[in-house]
Structures are given as structure tokens and as C-alpha cells.
Amino acid sequence: MEITGRIKEIFPEKQISASFRKREAVITTLEQYPQHILIEFVQDKGDLLNTVNVGQEVKVSIDIRGREWTAPDGQVKYFNSIHGWRIEQNSPSQENQASANTAPAPPTNLPPLDALPKDNSDEDDLPF
């Protein structure tokens, strides 16, 4: 899955245990009702956040993880987390510039429409 939006916040890395670390970022979606999505980047994926800045538009590839936990009183609870594993800079001005560079240029040496010969014949010269 992917989430596209603007980086609202990037948090410092947290060392959870001797062998586990994570870094979190909040992405605000660019829709009519923006959502603030907290995404975790675990282990070496946290370094991906060093390539982007707050306020930048990005596309983040994510996995949604879910787990079950049984509380000491026996009650079962469920938790979800969103893990980011790739982040791409997504600048609208760069996209528009790229599409403008690949679009063919309109022809500039065509005669005006009123200068074209008019075909008043009702005959169809097609062989079928």
C-alpha cells in the first residue's frame, strides 16, 4: 500500500531494546478531509527519514501490521501499526515539469482553418 501526503513531523529515533529501534513520522494526507497518519520506520528503515524534510510532499510504501495481546486479566486486545519501508519525494512542481517535458509540442506551421480548401462534394471516394 502507499500513502501520499505532506510530512507534518519527524520524531527522533527511539531505542526500544538493545536490538530494536524505531523512528516515527506523521504524514498528513492531501484529501478533502486530511488525515494525520503516524508511520513507524523500524531498524535501518528509520534512516530513510534522513532524506526528507518536514513540509515536503512524499509517497510512502507501507505495510499494516496487526497483533493480538492477552492482558493479565485475560481480556484479549488487538493492536495495529503502520510500518513504512520506502519513501519517495513527490514534488508536484517536478511532476508537472516532467510531464511538460515529455508532452509533444503543438505544431506551429499549420495554416489557419479558413485557409484550408473546402470539400463540398457529397461523393464518397472510398472503395467500400
C-alpha atoms as a PDB file:
ATOM      1  CA  MET A   1       0.000   0.000   0.000  1.00  0.00           C
ATOM      2  CA  GLU A   2       1.011   3.603  -0.389  1.00  0.00           C
ATOM      3  CA  ILE A   3       0.180   6.834   1.389  1.00  0.00           C
ATOM      4  CA  THR A   4       0.752  10.182  -0.292  1.00  0.00           C
ATOM      5  CA  GLY A   5       0.888  13.364   1.720  1.00  0.00           C
ATOM      6  CA  ARG A   6       2.974  16.055   3.332  1.00  0.00           C
ATOM      7  CA  ILE A   7       5.376  15.364   6.184  1.00  0.00           C
ATOM      8  CA  LYS A   8       3.987  17.063   9.274  1.00  0.00           C
ATOM      9  CA  GLU A   9       6.514  15.834  11.810  1.00  0.00           C
ATOM     10  CA  ILE A  10       9.593  13.614  12.066  1.00  0.00           C
ATOM     11  CA  PHE A  11      10.467  12.282  15.512  1.00  0.00           C
ATOM     12  CA  PRO A  12      13.915  11.327  16.816  1.00  0.00           C
ATOM     13  CA  GLU A  13      14.930   7.685  16.853  1.00  0.00           C
ATOM     14  CA  LYS A  14      13.872   5.608  19.887  1.00  0.00           C
ATOM     15  CA  GLN A  15      15.982   2.697  21.103  1.00  0.00           C
ATOM     16  CA  ILE A  16      13.260   0.308  22.323  1.00  0.00           C
ATOM     17  CA  SER A  17      15.597  -2.515  23.360  1.00  0.00           C
ATOM     18  CA  ALA A  18      19.229  -3.487  22.807  1.00  0.00           C
ATOM     19  CA  SER A  19      18.324  -4.940  19.398  1.00  0.00           C
ATOM     20  CA  PHE A  20      15.266  -2.897  18.331  1.00  0.00           C
ATOM     21  CA  ARG A  21      14.967   0.747  17.319  1.00  0.00           C
ATOM     22  CA  LYS A  22      12.328   2.781  15.511  1.00  0.00           C
ATOM     23  CA  ARG A  23      11.659   6.238  14.192  1.00  0.00           C
ATOM     24  CA  GLU A  24       8.233   7.735  13.552  1.00  0.00           C
ATOM     25  CA  ALA A  25       6.851  10.357  11.196  1.00  0.00           C
ATOM     26  CA  VAL A  26       3.416  11.900  10.748  1.00  0.00           C
ATOM     27  CA  ILE A  27       2.143  12.210   7.184  1.00  0.00           C
ATOM     28  CA  THR A  28      -0.850  14.469   6.513  1.00  0.00           C
ATOM     29  CA  THR A  29      -2.853  13.222   3.545  1.00  0.00           C
ATOM     30  CA  LEU A  30      -3.812  15.633   0.762  1.00  0.00           C
ATOM     31  CA  GLU A  31      -7.537  14.976   0.542  1.00  0.00           C
ATOM     32  CA  GLN A  32     -10.705  16.908   1.308  1.00  0.00           C
ATOM     33  CA  TYR A  33     -10.564  15.742   4.932  1.00  0.00           C
ATOM     34  CA  PRO A  34      -6.820  15.390   5.665  1.00  0.00           C
ATOM     35  CA  GLN A  35      -5.758  12.566   7.958  1.00  0.00           C
ATOM     36  CA  HIS A  36      -2.660  12.639  10.165  1.00  0.00           C
ATOM     37  CA  ILE A  37      -1.122   9.168   9.835  1.00  0.00           C
ATOM     38  CA  LEU A  38       1.633   8.037  12.220  1.00  0.00           C
ATOM     39  CA  ILE A  39       4.054   5.732  10.382  1.00  0.00           C
ATOM     40  CA  GLU A  40       6.798   3.712  12.083  1.00  0.00           C
ATOM     41  CA  PHE A  41      10.125   3.059  10.385  1.00  0.00           C
ATOM     42  CA  VAL A  42      11.870   0.212  12.215  1.00  0.00           C
ATOM     43  CA  GLN A  43      15.536  -0.774  12.399  1.00  0.00           C
ATOM     44  CA  ASP A  44      17.547   0.536   9.406  1.00  0.00           C
ATOM     45  CA  LYS A  45      14.379   1.859   7.666  1.00  0.00           C
ATOM     46  CA  GLY A  46      14.489   4.780  10.103  1.00  0.00           C
ATOM     47  CA  ASP A  47      17.417   6.124   8.096  1.00  0.00           C
ATOM     48  CA  LEU A  48      15.016   6.753   5.189  1.00  0.00           C
ATOM     49  CA  LEU A  49      13.704   9.770   7.080  1.00  0.00           C
ATOM     50  CA  ASN A  50      17.133  11.420   6.809  1.00  0.00           C
ATOM     51  CA  THR A  51      16.432  12.061   3.104  1.00  0.00           C
ATOM     52  CA  VAL A  52      13.254  14.121   3.589  1.00  0.00           C
ATOM     53  CA  ASN A  53      12.164  17.239   5.470  1.00  0.00           C
ATOM     54  CA  VAL A  54       9.084  18.488   7.292  1.00  0.00           C
ATOM     55  CA  GLY A  55       6.686  20.123   4.823  1.00  0.00           C
ATOM     56  CA  GLN A  56       7.820  18.005   1.897  1.00  0.00           C
ATOM     57  CA  GLU A  57       5.314  16.030  -0.181  1.00  0.00           C
ATOM     58  CA  VAL A  58       6.106  12.304  -0.211  1.00  0.00           C
ATOM     59  CA  LYS A  59       4.783   8.895  -1.186  1.00  0.00           C
ATOM     60  CA  VAL A  60       5.365   6.236   1.480  1.00  0.00           C
ATOM     61  CA  SER A  61       5.113   2.487   0.842  1.00  0.00           C
ATOM     62  CA  ILE A  62       3.634   0.834   3.927  1.00  0.00           C
ATOM     63  CA  ASP A  63       2.634  -2.456   5.471  1.00  0.00           C
ATOM     64  CA  ILE A  64      -0.174  -2.670   8.017  1.00  0.00           C
ATOM     65  CA  ARG A  65       0.645  -4.975  10.911  1.00  0.00           C
ATOM     66  CA  GLY A  66      -1.771  -6.338  13.492  1.00  0.00           C
ATOM     67  CA  ARG A  67      -1.244  -8.332  16.664  1.00  0.00           C
ATOM     68  CA  GLU A  68      -3.236  -9.893  19.434  1.00  0.00           C
ATOM     69  CA  TRP A  69      -2.384  -9.411  23.114  1.00  0.00           C
ATOM     70  CA  THR A  70      -3.912 -11.016  26.158  1.00  0.00           C
ATOM     71  CA  ALA A  71      -3.986  -8.759  29.210  1.00  0.00           C
ATOM     72  CA  PRO A  72      -3.161 -10.170  32.663  1.00  0.00           C
ATOM     73  CA  ASP A  73      -6.904 -10.209  33.440  1.00  0.00           C
ATOM     74  CA  GLY A  74      -7.485 -12.498  30.426  1.00  0.00           C
ATOM     75  CA  GLN A  75      -9.046  -9.855  28.171  1.00  0.00           C
ATOM     76  CA  VAL A  76      -7.864 -10.103  24.552  1.00  0.00           C
ATOM     77  CA  LYS A  77      -6.925  -6.838  22.817  1.00  0.00           C
ATOM     78  CA  TYR A  78      -5.823  -6.084  19.259  1.00  0.00           C
ATOM     79  CA  PHE A  79      -3.315  -3.503  18.075  1.00  0.00           C
ATOM     80  CA  ASN A  80      -2.436  -2.196  14.625  1.00  0.00           C
ATOM     81  CA  SER A  81       0.683  -0.448  13.408  1.00  0.00           C
ATOM     82  CA  ILE A  82       1.734   1.057  10.103  1.00  0.00           C
ATOM     83  CA  HIS A  83       5.307   0.309   9.025  1.00  0.00           C
ATOM     84  CA  GLY A  84       6.994   2.347   6.314  1.00  0.00           C
ATOM     85  CA  TRP A  85       9.578   0.606   4.170  1.00  0.00           C
ATOM     86  CA  ARG A  86      10.148   3.072   1.301  1.00  0.00           C
ATOM     87  CA  ILE A  87       9.747   6.827   0.960  1.00  0.00           C
ATOM     88  CA  GLU A  88       9.860   8.839  -2.257  1.00  0.00           C
ATOM     89  CA  GLN A  89       9.947  12.585  -2.639  1.00  0.00           C
ATOM     90  CA  ASN A  90       6.857  13.669  -4.526  1.00  0.00           C
ATOM     91  CA  SER A  91       7.098  17.303  -5.590  1.00  0.00           C
ATOM     92  CA  PRO A  92       4.091  18.479  -7.644  1.00  0.00           C
ATOM     93  CA  SER A  93       6.195  21.071  -9.456  1.00  0.00           C
ATOM     94  CA  GLN A  94       8.669  18.381 -10.528  1.00  0.00           C
ATOM     95  CA  GLU A  95       5.825  16.159 -11.774  1.00  0.00           C
ATOM     96  CA  ASN A  96       4.342  18.973 -13.845  1.00  0.00           C
ATOM     97  CA  GLN A  97       7.745  19.842 -15.235  1.00  0.00           C
ATOM     98  CA  ALA A  98       8.463  16.221 -16.140  1.00  0.00           C
ATOM     99  CA  SER A  99       5.122  15.772 -17.906  1.00  0.00           C
ATOM    100  CA  ALA A 100       5.609  19.064 -19.752  1.00  0.00           C
ATOM    101  CA  ASN A 101       8.987  17.893 -20.992  1.00  0.00           C
ATOM    102  CA  THR A 102       7.593  14.616 -22.321  1.00  0.00           C
ATOM    103  CA  ALA A 103       4.476  16.038 -23.991  1.00  0.00           C
ATOM    104  CA  PRO A 104       4.849  16.673 -27.718  1.00  0.00           C
ATOM    105  CA  ALA A 105       4.969  20.309 -28.735  1.00  0.00           C
ATOM    106  CA  PRO A 106       1.976  21.508 -30.751  1.00  0.00           C
ATOM    107  CA  PRO A 107       2.692  22.114 -34.445  1.00  0.00           C
ATOM    108  CA  THR A 108       3.338  25.749 -35.210  1.00  0.00           C
ATOM    109  CA  ASN A 109       3.446  25.732 -39.024  1.00  0.00           C
ATOM    110  CA  LEU A 110      -0.168  24.766 -39.815  1.00  0.00           C
ATOM    111  CA  PRO A 111      -2.281  27.120 -41.941  1.00  0.00           C
ATOM    112  CA  PRO A 112      -5.349  28.724 -40.358  1.00  0.00           C
ATOM    113  CA  LEU A 113      -8.552  26.688 -40.683  1.00  0.00           C
ATOM    114  CA  ASP A 114     -10.198  29.208 -43.024  1.00  0.00           C
ATOM    115  CA  ALA A 115      -7.271  28.836 -45.464  1.00  0.00           C
ATOM    116  CA  LEU A 116      -7.843  25.096 -45.931  1.00  0.00           C
ATOM    117  CA  PRO A 117      -9.720  24.055 -49.101  1.00  0.00           C
ATOM    118  CA  LYS A 118     -13.376  23.269 -48.566  1.00  0.00           C
ATOM    119  CA  ASP A 119     -14.749  19.945 -49.783  1.00  0.00           C
ATOM    120  CA  ASN A 120     -18.336  20.477 -50.921  1.00  0.00           C
ATOM    121  CA  SER A 121     -18.699  17.143 -52.701  1.00  0.00           C
ATOM    122  CA  ASP A 122     -21.204  14.678 -51.381  1.00  0.00           C
ATOM    123  CA  GLU A 123     -19.459  11.798 -53.120  1.00  0.00           C
ATOM    124  CA  ASP A 124     -17.596   9.278 -51.103  1.00  0.00           C
ATOM    125  CA  ASP A 125     -14.452   8.133 -52.907  1.00  0.00           C
ATOM    126  CA  LEU A 126     -13.785   5.260 -50.536  1.00  0.00           C
ATOM    127  CA  PRO A 127     -13.839   1.846 -52.250  1.00  0.00           C
ATOM    128  CA  PHE A 128     -16.128   0.183 -49.678  1.00  0.00           C
END
